[in-house]
Amino acid sequence: MNDVSAVYARNKVMQIRVGYDLIYEGCQPTPMIVTLGIHPDRADDVIVPDTMAADPQVPLETYLDAFGNRCTRLVAPGGPIRIFADAIVRDSGLPDPVVEDARQVPVEELPDETLVYLLGSRYCETDRLSTFAWTRFGDIVGGWARVQAVVDYVHNRLRFSYPDARATRTALDAFTEGKAVCRDFAHLAVTLCRALNIPARYCTGYLGDIGVLVDPNPMDFSAWFEAYLDGRWYTFDARHNTPRIGRIVIARGRDAADVAISSSFGPTTLRQFKVWTEEVVEAT
């Protein structure tokens, strides 16, 4: 059975358990910002809230950043601090939509709020890849077809490799080196889309092995991107290059710099990293 396991046995509303258990360690009290909360646009789907807890207990202050993401401020004490949450989210069970006739919106008709997603950013060097983008994809007609051609290209050009992960790798680096983790797939696809005048934004969140073969690697947060076509944002995934079920967004931004899971204002080390995303199966 293929096509996302035949739309996961003909589409069933499901519940998905998600969460994380992280331990950071520093040598002195250190202010931090963590971006780990389920995105507010899924608020109506949350059955058990992903209420963050810390051990030892410290004040946690939540706010929305400029991109609408839920962020939390805290001051980590010297020594280890554990940050964790466990939630259950309702999901439609439908795979990512495919709308092949979605058109590319001319730049002069784009809403103001999408324009920032046409510009270069920390990890997305549109100026360095613009000539290549137009040479490779400029003759492709149609918004969806052009974005899908970008996704196909990135999916085939890059080789996924956890051991080769590097926090400083940019879209141009991935393009040149040919190796990547999910964030690099997203960065390169975002960069090429922006160079082609298609607004594209980076996304991070939970993506479990629902309706697909189980990945033997430890669970991690995932990265994908959204392209603005025909008046709305559509999900694309250059790493997997297939519609998936159960995608739960945590944060969106220009690139990974805007949605880092943690930003420490002082030296800290991540000592433990556990993430889970799994369908809640009712007992029979």
Protein backbone atom coordinates (compact mmCIF):
# COMPACT_ATOMS: atom_id res chain seq x y z
CA MET A 1 0.00 0.00 0.00
CA ASN A 2 1.52 3.32 -1.06
CA ASP A 3 0.34 6.93 -1.58
CA VAL A 4 0.86 7.60 2.12
CA SER A 5 -0.53 4.15 2.88
CA ALA A 6 -3.63 4.86 0.81
CA VAL A 7 -4.26 8.07 2.75
CA TYR A 8 -3.67 6.09 5.91
CA ALA A 9 -6.39 3.53 5.41
CA ARG A 10 -8.81 6.11 3.98
CA ASN A 11 -8.35 8.98 6.39
CA LYS A 12 -9.16 8.69 10.05
CA VAL A 13 -9.17 11.45 12.60
CA MET A 14 -6.36 10.63 14.99
CA GLN A 15 -4.61 11.76 18.11
CA ILE A 16 -0.86 12.30 18.14
CA ARG A 17 1.31 12.39 21.24
CA VAL A 18 4.21 14.82 20.97
CA GLY A 19 6.80 16.12 23.37
CA TYR A 20 10.40 16.64 24.32
CA ASP A 21 12.79 16.14 27.24
CA LEU A 22 15.93 18.28 27.06
CA ILE A 23 18.74 18.90 29.51
CA TYR A 24 21.02 21.92 29.23
CA GLU A 25 24.01 22.66 31.43
CA GLY A 26 25.86 25.88 32.07
CA CYS A 27 28.48 27.07 34.53
CA GLN A 28 26.53 30.14 35.64
CA PRO A 29 22.98 31.55 35.54
CA THR A 30 22.18 32.06 31.84
CA PRO A 31 19.18 33.75 30.21
CA MET A 32 17.60 31.61 27.49
CA ILE A 33 14.83 31.77 24.90
CA VAL A 34 13.32 28.44 23.83
CA THR A 35 10.94 28.00 20.91
CA LEU A 36 9.24 24.68 21.58
CA GLY A 37 5.52 25.37 21.92
CA ILE A 38 3.03 24.04 19.40
CA HIS A 39 2.17 26.88 17.02
CA PRO A 40 -0.95 28.90 17.95
CA ASP A 41 -2.67 28.00 14.67
CA ARG A 42 -3.09 24.44 16.05
CA ALA A 43 -4.53 25.65 19.37
CA ASP A 44 -8.00 24.26 18.61
CA ASP A 45 -6.49 20.81 18.01
CA VAL A 46 -4.63 20.56 21.32
CA ILE A 47 -6.28 18.02 23.64
CA VAL A 48 -3.56 17.87 26.31
CA PRO A 49 -1.57 21.14 26.36
CA ASP A 50 2.18 21.12 25.87
CA THR A 51 2.75 22.96 29.14
CA MET A 52 6.49 23.43 29.58
CA ALA A 53 8.06 22.45 32.90
CA ALA A 54 11.58 22.91 34.23
CA ASP A 55 13.61 21.05 36.83
CA PRO A 56 14.81 22.81 38.89
CA GLN A 57 11.80 25.07 38.74
CA VAL A 58 12.43 28.56 37.38
CA PRO A 59 10.01 31.28 36.19
CA LEU A 60 8.85 30.66 32.60
CA GLU A 61 7.48 33.60 30.61
CA THR A 62 5.75 32.94 27.28
CA TYR A 63 5.35 35.47 24.49
CA LEU A 64 4.68 35.57 20.73
CA ASP A 65 7.60 36.64 18.58
CA ALA A 66 7.42 38.74 15.40
CA PHE A 67 6.52 35.65 13.34
CA GLY A 68 3.70 34.55 15.65
CA ASN A 69 5.64 31.70 17.28
CA ARG A 70 5.27 30.76 20.97
CA CYS A 71 8.55 31.42 22.75
CA THR A 72 9.51 31.04 26.40
CA ARG A 73 12.00 33.11 28.39
CA LEU A 74 13.84 31.71 31.39
CA VAL A 75 17.07 32.04 33.31
CA ALA A 76 18.79 28.68 33.60
CA PRO A 77 20.68 28.30 36.91
CA GLY A 78 24.26 27.17 36.97
CA GLY A 79 24.44 23.41 36.46
CA PRO A 80 21.92 21.22 34.62
CA ILE A 81 18.33 22.21 33.89
CA ARG A 82 15.73 19.86 32.43
CA ILE A 83 13.03 21.32 30.15
CA PHE A 84 10.19 19.03 29.17
CA ALA A 85 6.58 18.79 27.94
CA ASP A 86 4.14 16.12 26.80
CA ALA A 87 1.01 16.84 24.74
CA ILE A 88 -1.73 15.22 22.68
CA VAL A 89 -2.93 16.84 19.46
CA ARG A 90 -5.95 16.01 17.31
CA ASP A 91 -5.14 15.61 13.60
CA SER A 92 -7.27 15.13 10.51
CA GLY A 93 -5.26 12.15 9.29
CA LEU A 94 -5.02 13.75 5.86
CA PRO A 95 -1.70 14.04 4.01
CA ASP A 96 -0.29 17.39 2.94
CA PRO A 97 -2.53 18.83 0.19
CA VAL A 98 -1.43 18.78 -3.45
CA VAL A 99 -2.92 21.51 -5.66
CA GLU A 100 -1.19 21.24 -9.00
CA ASP A 101 -3.03 24.20 -10.57
CA ALA A 102 -2.06 26.67 -7.81
CA ARG A 103 -0.59 29.68 -9.61
CA GLN A 104 2.41 31.82 -8.80
CA VAL A 105 1.31 35.25 -7.61
CA PRO A 106 3.09 38.15 -9.37
CA VAL A 107 5.27 40.13 -6.98
CA GLU A 108 3.20 43.28 -7.44
CA GLU A 109 0.09 41.40 -6.27
CA LEU A 110 1.63 39.76 -3.20
CA PRO A 111 0.30 40.75 0.25
CA ASP A 112 2.70 42.97 2.18
CA GLU A 113 3.28 40.36 4.89
CA THR A 114 4.68 37.85 2.37
CA LEU A 115 7.39 40.13 0.98
CA VAL A 116 9.89 39.41 3.75
CA TYR A 117 9.89 35.80 2.53
CA LEU A 118 11.29 36.89 -0.83
CA LEU A 119 14.44 38.34 0.72
CA GLY A 120 17.75 36.77 1.51
CA SER A 121 18.41 35.74 5.13
CA ARG A 122 21.09 34.21 7.37
CA TYR A 123 21.01 30.74 5.81
CA CYS A 124 19.35 31.56 2.48
CA GLU A 125 21.66 33.44 0.11
CA THR A 126 19.25 34.31 -2.69
CA ASP A 127 21.80 36.60 -4.35
CA ARG A 128 24.31 33.74 -4.70
CA LEU A 129 21.83 31.28 -6.21
CA SER A 130 19.56 33.56 -8.26
CA THR A 131 21.30 33.03 -11.61
CA PHE A 132 21.27 29.27 -11.16
CA ALA A 133 17.60 29.29 -10.13
CA TRP A 134 16.45 31.18 -13.22
CA THR A 135 18.66 29.14 -15.54
CA ARG A 136 17.40 25.85 -14.12
CA PHE A 137 13.72 26.61 -13.40
CA GLY A 138 12.87 29.81 -15.25
CA ASP A 139 11.20 28.07 -18.19
CA ILE A 140 8.82 26.04 -16.03
CA VAL A 141 5.29 27.41 -16.27
CA GLY A 142 2.92 27.36 -13.31
CA GLY A 143 3.47 28.06 -9.66
CA TRP A 144 3.01 24.55 -8.24
CA ALA A 145 4.98 22.95 -11.07
CA ARG A 146 7.89 25.33 -10.49
CA VAL A 147 8.00 24.74 -6.72
CA GLN A 148 7.71 20.97 -7.23
CA ALA A 149 10.59 21.10 -9.71
CA VAL A 150 12.68 22.87 -7.06
CA VAL A 151 11.71 20.23 -4.47
CA ASP A 152 12.57 17.40 -6.86
CA TYR A 153 15.94 18.96 -7.63
CA VAL A 154 16.88 19.53 -3.98
CA HIS A 155 15.67 16.06 -2.98
CA ASN A 156 17.85 14.45 -5.65
CA ARG A 157 20.90 16.69 -5.24
CA LEU A 158 21.37 16.41 -1.48
CA ARG A 159 22.26 13.26 0.45
CA PHE A 160 20.76 13.01 3.94
CA SER A 161 23.43 12.38 6.58
CA TYR A 162 23.11 12.95 10.34
CA PRO A 163 26.88 12.57 10.92
CA ASP A 164 27.50 15.47 8.55
CA ALA A 165 25.15 17.88 10.34
CA ARG A 166 26.61 21.35 10.80
CA ALA A 167 24.88 24.31 12.44
CA THR A 168 26.63 26.83 10.19
CA ARG A 169 25.77 25.18 6.85
CA THR A 170 23.93 27.59 4.55
CA ALA A 171 21.86 26.88 1.46
CA LEU A 172 24.88 27.62 -0.73
CA ASP A 173 27.03 25.28 1.37
CA ALA A 174 24.48 22.48 0.97
CA PHE A 175 24.26 23.17 -2.77
CA THR A 176 28.05 22.93 -3.03
CA GLU A 177 28.67 20.03 -0.63
CA GLY A 178 25.71 17.84 -1.59
CA LYS A 179 25.12 16.55 1.95
CA ALA A 180 22.48 17.66 4.39
CA VAL A 181 20.05 17.16 7.22
CA CYS A 182 16.41 18.21 6.98
CA ARG A 183 17.10 21.90 7.72
CA ASP A 184 19.55 22.04 4.80
CA PHE A 185 17.00 20.55 2.40
CA ALA A 186 14.54 23.22 3.52
CA HIS A 187 17.06 26.07 3.30
CA LEU A 188 18.11 25.24 -0.24
CA ALA A 189 14.52 24.85 -1.47
CA VAL A 190 13.48 28.09 0.26
CA THR A 191 16.40 29.95 -1.32
CA LEU A 192 15.65 28.74 -4.83
CA CYS A 193 11.95 29.56 -4.49
CA ARG A 194 12.69 33.07 -3.24
CA ALA A 195 15.14 33.60 -6.09
CA LEU A 196 12.24 32.72 -8.43
CA ASN A 197 9.98 35.36 -6.77
CA ILE A 198 7.94 32.77 -4.84
CA PRO A 199 7.61 33.63 -1.12
CA ALA A 200 8.92 30.73 0.95
CA ARG A 201 9.20 30.34 4.71
CA TYR A 202 11.07 27.84 6.85
CA CYS A 203 9.09 25.60 9.23
CA THR A 204 10.07 23.39 12.12
CA GLY A 205 7.92 20.99 14.08
CA TYR A 206 6.93 17.41 14.77
CA LEU A 207 6.69 14.81 12.00
CA GLY A 208 6.21 11.21 13.06
CA ASP A 209 6.41 8.02 11.02
CA ILE A 210 2.66 7.82 10.45
CA GLY A 211 1.53 5.97 7.32
CA VAL A 212 5.16 5.33 6.28
CA LEU A 213 7.93 2.93 7.17
CA VAL A 214 9.43 3.63 10.58
CA ASP A 215 12.75 5.48 10.47
CA PRO A 216 15.27 3.59 12.66
CA ASN A 217 17.05 6.82 13.63
CA PRO A 218 16.15 8.50 16.95
CA MET A 219 13.20 10.90 16.69
CA ASP A 220 14.10 14.53 16.11
CA PHE A 221 12.28 17.73 15.29
CA SER A 222 11.78 18.05 11.54
CA ALA A 223 12.15 20.91 9.07
CA TRP A 224 10.19 21.65 5.90
CA PHE A 225 8.96 24.78 4.14
CA GLU A 226 5.84 26.55 2.93
CA ALA A 227 5.46 28.35 -0.40
CA TYR A 228 2.90 31.08 -1.05
CA LEU A 229 0.83 30.21 -4.13
CA ASP A 230 -2.60 31.35 -5.28
CA GLY A 231 -3.35 33.27 -2.10
CA ARG A 232 -2.32 30.76 0.57
CA TRP A 233 0.63 28.89 2.05
CA TYR A 234 1.25 25.28 0.96
CA THR A 235 3.51 22.70 2.61
CA PHE A 236 6.46 21.20 0.73
CA ASP A 237 9.13 18.83 2.05
CA ALA A 238 12.33 18.57 0.03
CA ARG A 239 13.82 15.88 2.25
CA HIS A 240 10.97 13.37 1.97
CA ASN A 241 9.40 14.70 -1.26
CA THR A 242 6.07 13.07 -0.59
CA PRO A 243 2.89 14.23 1.20
CA ARG A 244 2.96 13.20 4.84
CA ILE A 245 0.42 12.75 7.63
CA GLY A 246 0.53 14.31 11.09
CA ARG A 247 2.72 17.35 10.54
CA ILE A 248 2.52 19.65 13.61
CA VAL A 249 4.15 23.05 13.26
CA ILE A 250 6.10 24.56 16.13
CA ALA A 251 7.51 27.65 14.44
CA ARG A 252 7.87 29.48 11.13
CA GLY A 253 10.42 32.08 10.06
CA ARG A 254 12.83 33.22 7.39
CA ASP A 255 15.20 30.36 8.18
CA ALA A 256 16.51 28.28 11.09
CA ALA A 257 17.96 31.34 12.81
CA ASP A 258 14.43 32.62 13.48
CA VAL A 259 13.14 29.35 14.93
CA ALA A 260 16.06 27.90 16.90
CA ILE A 261 14.81 25.56 19.63
CA SER A 262 17.03 27.45 22.08
CA SER A 263 19.06 30.63 22.20
CA SER A 264 21.42 30.98 25.17
CA PHE A 265 22.89 34.30 26.22
CA GLY A 266 25.97 32.66 27.66
CA PRO A 267 27.72 29.28 27.28
CA THR A 268 25.47 26.23 27.67
CA THR A 269 25.74 22.63 26.54
CA LEU A 270 22.85 20.41 25.43
CA ARG A 271 23.32 17.23 27.49
CA GLN A 272 20.11 15.34 26.62
CA PHE A 273 17.85 15.52 23.59
CA LYS A 274 14.70 13.40 23.39
CA VAL A 275 11.71 14.05 21.12
CA TRP A 276 8.64 11.91 20.51
CA THR A 277 5.87 11.95 17.92
CA GLU A 278 3.55 8.97 17.82
CA GLU A 279 -0.05 8.15 17.05
CA VAL A 280 -2.14 7.38 20.10
CA VAL A 281 -3.59 3.94 19.40
CA GLU A 282 -6.72 3.03 21.31
CA ALA A 283 -6.61 -0.26 23.19
CA THR A 284 -8.85 -2.98 21.78
